[in-house]
Amino acid sequence: MKKLMLSALGAAVLCLAGCGDVRTREATEPRPDFPEELQGQRFALRLKGVNNPGYSSALVQVRRITVTTADGQALPSRLKTRQALELTNPEHSHLVGRFVVPDGVEKVRVEVELDDFGGYEGASGGGVIDTRVAPLRFEAPVTYLAERGHAVVHLDLGQSLQAQGEAKLLLPSLDVRY
């Protein structure tokens, strides 16, 4: 019974993740992420799944991103997606958000908080991914960010998704590329 319930819950998560925001928007110029007068360097934050041990699908959804200075001062940041992110495509890194770093800041702290649950599908079945344990966190030197204008979080699927019955528990193992 428990296995059937987890499989049904996993299927529901995967199904709902495919349903995006259906609002229509006028075909006008894209709205800027931040006001033009906001001073500082603008950077992108991306997320990519790596080291896939054989999942045909691994979906997570980002709830929020937070970027602060080393001393905890919040920096302007903007979440860019509310859709589920498919982490099994090794050729794609998803745009998660953008942020602005004022001149004079040498290092930032980045935190990506995921929604409570995601979903996975593999050869032996599917189920839920419990992402409530810990957010994705890292510190980034601004000089590294400035080289290409972004940070790409490589989430190691093989090490991060730990079996917990039929479900998987996300214990983040990550590497950041600039």
Protein backbone atom coordinates (compact mmCIF):
# COMPACT_ATOMS: atom_id res chain seq x y z
CA MET A 1 0.00 0.00 0.00
CA LYS A 2 2.82 2.40 0.91
CA LYS A 3 4.60 1.66 -2.38
CA LEU A 4 1.41 2.33 -4.37
CA MET A 5 0.82 5.59 -2.50
CA LEU A 6 4.39 6.82 -3.13
CA SER A 7 4.17 5.89 -6.81
CA ALA A 8 0.85 7.74 -7.13
CA LEU A 9 2.29 10.77 -5.33
CA GLY A 10 5.36 10.70 -7.57
CA ALA A 11 3.20 10.51 -10.69
CA ALA A 12 1.11 13.44 -9.44
CA VAL A 13 4.25 15.52 -8.83
CA LEU A 14 5.57 14.75 -12.31
CA CYS A 15 2.19 15.54 -13.89
CA LEU A 16 1.75 18.82 -12.01
CA ALA A 17 5.33 19.83 -12.77
CA GLY A 18 4.53 19.70 -16.46
CA CYS A 19 1.72 22.21 -16.05
CA GLY A 20 3.23 25.64 -16.40
CA ASP A 21 1.83 29.09 -15.91
CA VAL A 22 -0.85 29.49 -18.57
CA ARG A 23 -1.19 33.28 -18.40
CA THR A 24 -0.91 35.11 -21.68
CA ARG A 25 1.30 38.13 -22.04
CA GLU A 26 1.25 40.85 -24.64
CA ALA A 27 4.05 40.65 -27.18
CA THR A 28 5.97 43.68 -25.98
CA GLU A 29 9.56 44.27 -25.04
CA PRO A 30 10.66 42.01 -22.20
CA ARG A 31 10.43 43.60 -18.79
CA PRO A 32 13.88 44.29 -17.34
CA ASP A 33 14.87 42.26 -14.30
CA PHE A 34 16.04 45.33 -12.41
CA PRO A 35 15.64 49.09 -12.83
CA GLU A 36 18.25 50.59 -15.16
CA GLU A 37 19.39 53.02 -12.46
CA LEU A 38 20.33 50.16 -10.12
CA GLN A 39 24.13 50.26 -9.92
CA GLY A 40 26.30 47.15 -9.96
CA GLN A 41 27.26 44.10 -11.97
CA ARG A 42 24.44 41.84 -13.15
CA PHE A 43 24.84 38.07 -13.00
CA ALA A 44 22.81 34.97 -13.88
CA LEU A 45 22.37 31.87 -11.72
CA ARG A 46 21.87 28.52 -13.46
CA LEU A 47 21.21 24.94 -12.30
CA LYS A 48 22.30 21.76 -14.08
CA GLY A 49 22.04 18.09 -13.12
CA VAL A 50 25.26 16.08 -13.58
CA ASN A 51 26.42 12.50 -12.91
CA ASN A 52 23.03 10.97 -13.69
CA PRO A 53 23.10 7.32 -12.57
CA GLY A 54 20.24 6.39 -14.93
CA TYR A 55 17.18 8.49 -14.10
CA SER A 56 14.96 9.18 -17.08
CA SER A 57 13.52 12.17 -15.21
CA ALA A 58 14.41 14.15 -12.10
CA LEU A 59 12.26 17.22 -11.51
CA VAL A 60 12.67 19.94 -8.90
CA GLN A 61 11.17 23.37 -8.57
CA VAL A 62 12.87 26.45 -7.11
CA ARG A 63 10.97 28.37 -4.44
CA ARG A 64 13.39 31.28 -3.98
CA ILE A 65 16.93 32.49 -4.37
CA THR A 66 18.75 34.66 -1.86
CA VAL A 67 22.01 36.46 -2.51
CA THR A 68 23.86 38.31 0.26
CA THR A 69 27.24 39.88 0.85
CA ALA A 70 29.73 38.08 3.09
CA ASP A 71 28.45 40.14 6.04
CA GLY A 72 24.79 39.24 5.36
CA GLN A 73 23.52 42.31 3.48
CA ALA A 74 20.75 41.24 1.08
CA LEU A 75 21.40 41.96 -2.59
CA PRO A 76 18.78 42.45 -5.32
CA SER A 77 17.83 39.08 -6.79
CA ARG A 78 15.04 37.86 -9.02
CA LEU A 79 13.71 34.32 -9.45
CA LYS A 80 13.33 33.64 -13.18
CA THR A 81 11.36 30.40 -13.26
CA ARG A 82 8.45 28.85 -11.43
CA GLN A 83 8.36 25.75 -13.62
CA ALA A 84 9.77 22.35 -12.75
CA LEU A 85 13.37 21.91 -13.87
CA GLU A 86 14.33 18.66 -15.59
CA LEU A 87 17.80 17.81 -14.30
CA THR A 88 18.53 14.74 -16.43
CA ASN A 89 19.46 16.63 -19.61
CA PRO A 90 23.28 16.87 -19.47
CA GLU A 91 23.34 19.52 -22.21
CA HIS A 92 21.14 22.09 -20.47
CA SER A 93 21.56 24.40 -17.51
CA HIS A 94 18.33 26.09 -16.40
CA LEU A 95 18.20 29.82 -15.76
CA VAL A 96 17.11 30.03 -12.11
CA GLY A 97 17.55 33.72 -11.41
CA ARG A 98 19.48 36.94 -11.74
CA PHE A 99 21.15 39.17 -9.18
CA VAL A 100 23.03 42.46 -8.90
CA VAL A 101 26.27 42.96 -6.97
CA PRO A 102 27.29 46.53 -6.08
CA ASP A 103 30.81 47.75 -6.79
CA GLY A 104 33.24 47.02 -3.97
CA VAL A 105 31.72 43.66 -2.97
CA GLU A 106 34.31 40.89 -3.29
CA LYS A 107 32.31 37.77 -2.37
CA VAL A 108 28.63 36.79 -2.28
CA ARG A 109 26.69 34.00 -0.61
CA VAL A 110 24.05 32.32 -2.72
CA GLU A 111 21.20 30.13 -1.47
CA VAL A 112 18.71 28.30 -3.66
CA GLU A 113 15.66 27.01 -1.79
CA LEU A 114 13.71 24.26 -3.55
CA ASP A 115 10.02 23.46 -3.14
CA ASP A 116 9.28 20.71 -0.63
CA PHE A 117 9.01 17.87 -3.14
CA GLY A 118 10.08 16.96 -6.65
CA GLY A 119 9.74 13.76 -8.60
CA TYR A 120 11.89 11.15 -10.30
CA GLU A 121 11.47 8.35 -12.78
CA GLY A 122 13.90 5.51 -13.37
CA ALA A 123 14.05 2.03 -14.84
CA SER A 124 12.68 0.51 -11.63
CA GLY A 125 9.86 3.03 -11.20
CA GLY A 126 9.35 6.53 -9.91
CA GLY A 127 8.45 8.49 -6.85
CA VAL A 128 8.98 11.69 -4.95
CA ILE A 129 12.15 13.58 -4.17
CA ASP A 130 12.08 15.09 -0.68
CA THR A 131 13.96 18.39 -1.03
CA ARG A 132 13.19 19.75 2.45
CA VAL A 133 16.55 18.82 4.01
CA ALA A 134 18.83 21.66 2.93
CA PRO A 135 18.97 24.41 0.33
CA LEU A 136 21.75 24.60 -2.23
CA ARG A 137 24.39 26.97 -0.81
CA PHE A 138 27.72 28.33 -1.98
CA GLU A 139 30.00 31.35 -1.79
CA ALA A 140 31.21 32.99 -4.98
CA PRO A 141 34.07 35.42 -5.51
CA VAL A 142 32.78 38.30 -7.65
CA THR A 143 35.92 38.10 -9.82
CA TYR A 144 34.92 34.54 -10.82
CA LEU A 145 31.34 35.63 -11.57
CA ALA A 146 32.59 38.53 -13.68
CA GLU A 147 34.56 36.23 -16.03
CA ARG A 148 31.44 34.89 -17.77
CA GLY A 149 28.61 36.73 -16.04
CA HIS A 150 27.11 33.70 -14.35
CA ALA A 151 27.42 30.83 -11.91
CA VAL A 152 26.24 27.34 -12.87
CA VAL A 153 25.41 25.01 -9.99
CA HIS A 154 26.20 21.42 -10.97
CA LEU A 155 23.98 19.23 -8.78
CA ASP A 156 25.42 15.70 -8.64
CA LEU A 157 22.36 13.44 -9.04
CA GLY A 158 24.29 10.26 -8.26
CA GLN A 159 25.47 11.51 -4.88
CA SER A 160 22.62 13.88 -3.98
CA LEU A 161 19.60 11.59 -4.36
CA GLN A 162 19.64 9.08 -1.52
CA ALA A 163 17.12 6.23 -1.25
CA GLN A 164 14.53 6.57 1.48
CA GLY A 165 12.12 3.71 0.84
CA GLU A 166 10.48 4.37 -2.54
CA ALA A 167 11.27 8.09 -2.23
CA LYS A 168 14.57 9.88 -2.69
CA LEU A 169 16.02 12.32 -0.20
CA LEU A 170 17.97 15.25 -1.68
CA LEU A 171 21.22 15.73 0.26
CA PRO A 172 22.89 18.30 -2.00
CA SER A 173 26.31 17.50 -3.40
CA LEU A 174 27.25 20.29 -5.75
CA ASP A 175 30.01 22.02 -7.62
CA VAL A 176 29.85 25.57 -8.95
CA ARG A 177 31.26 26.55 -12.34
CA TYR A 178 31.82 30.07 -13.54
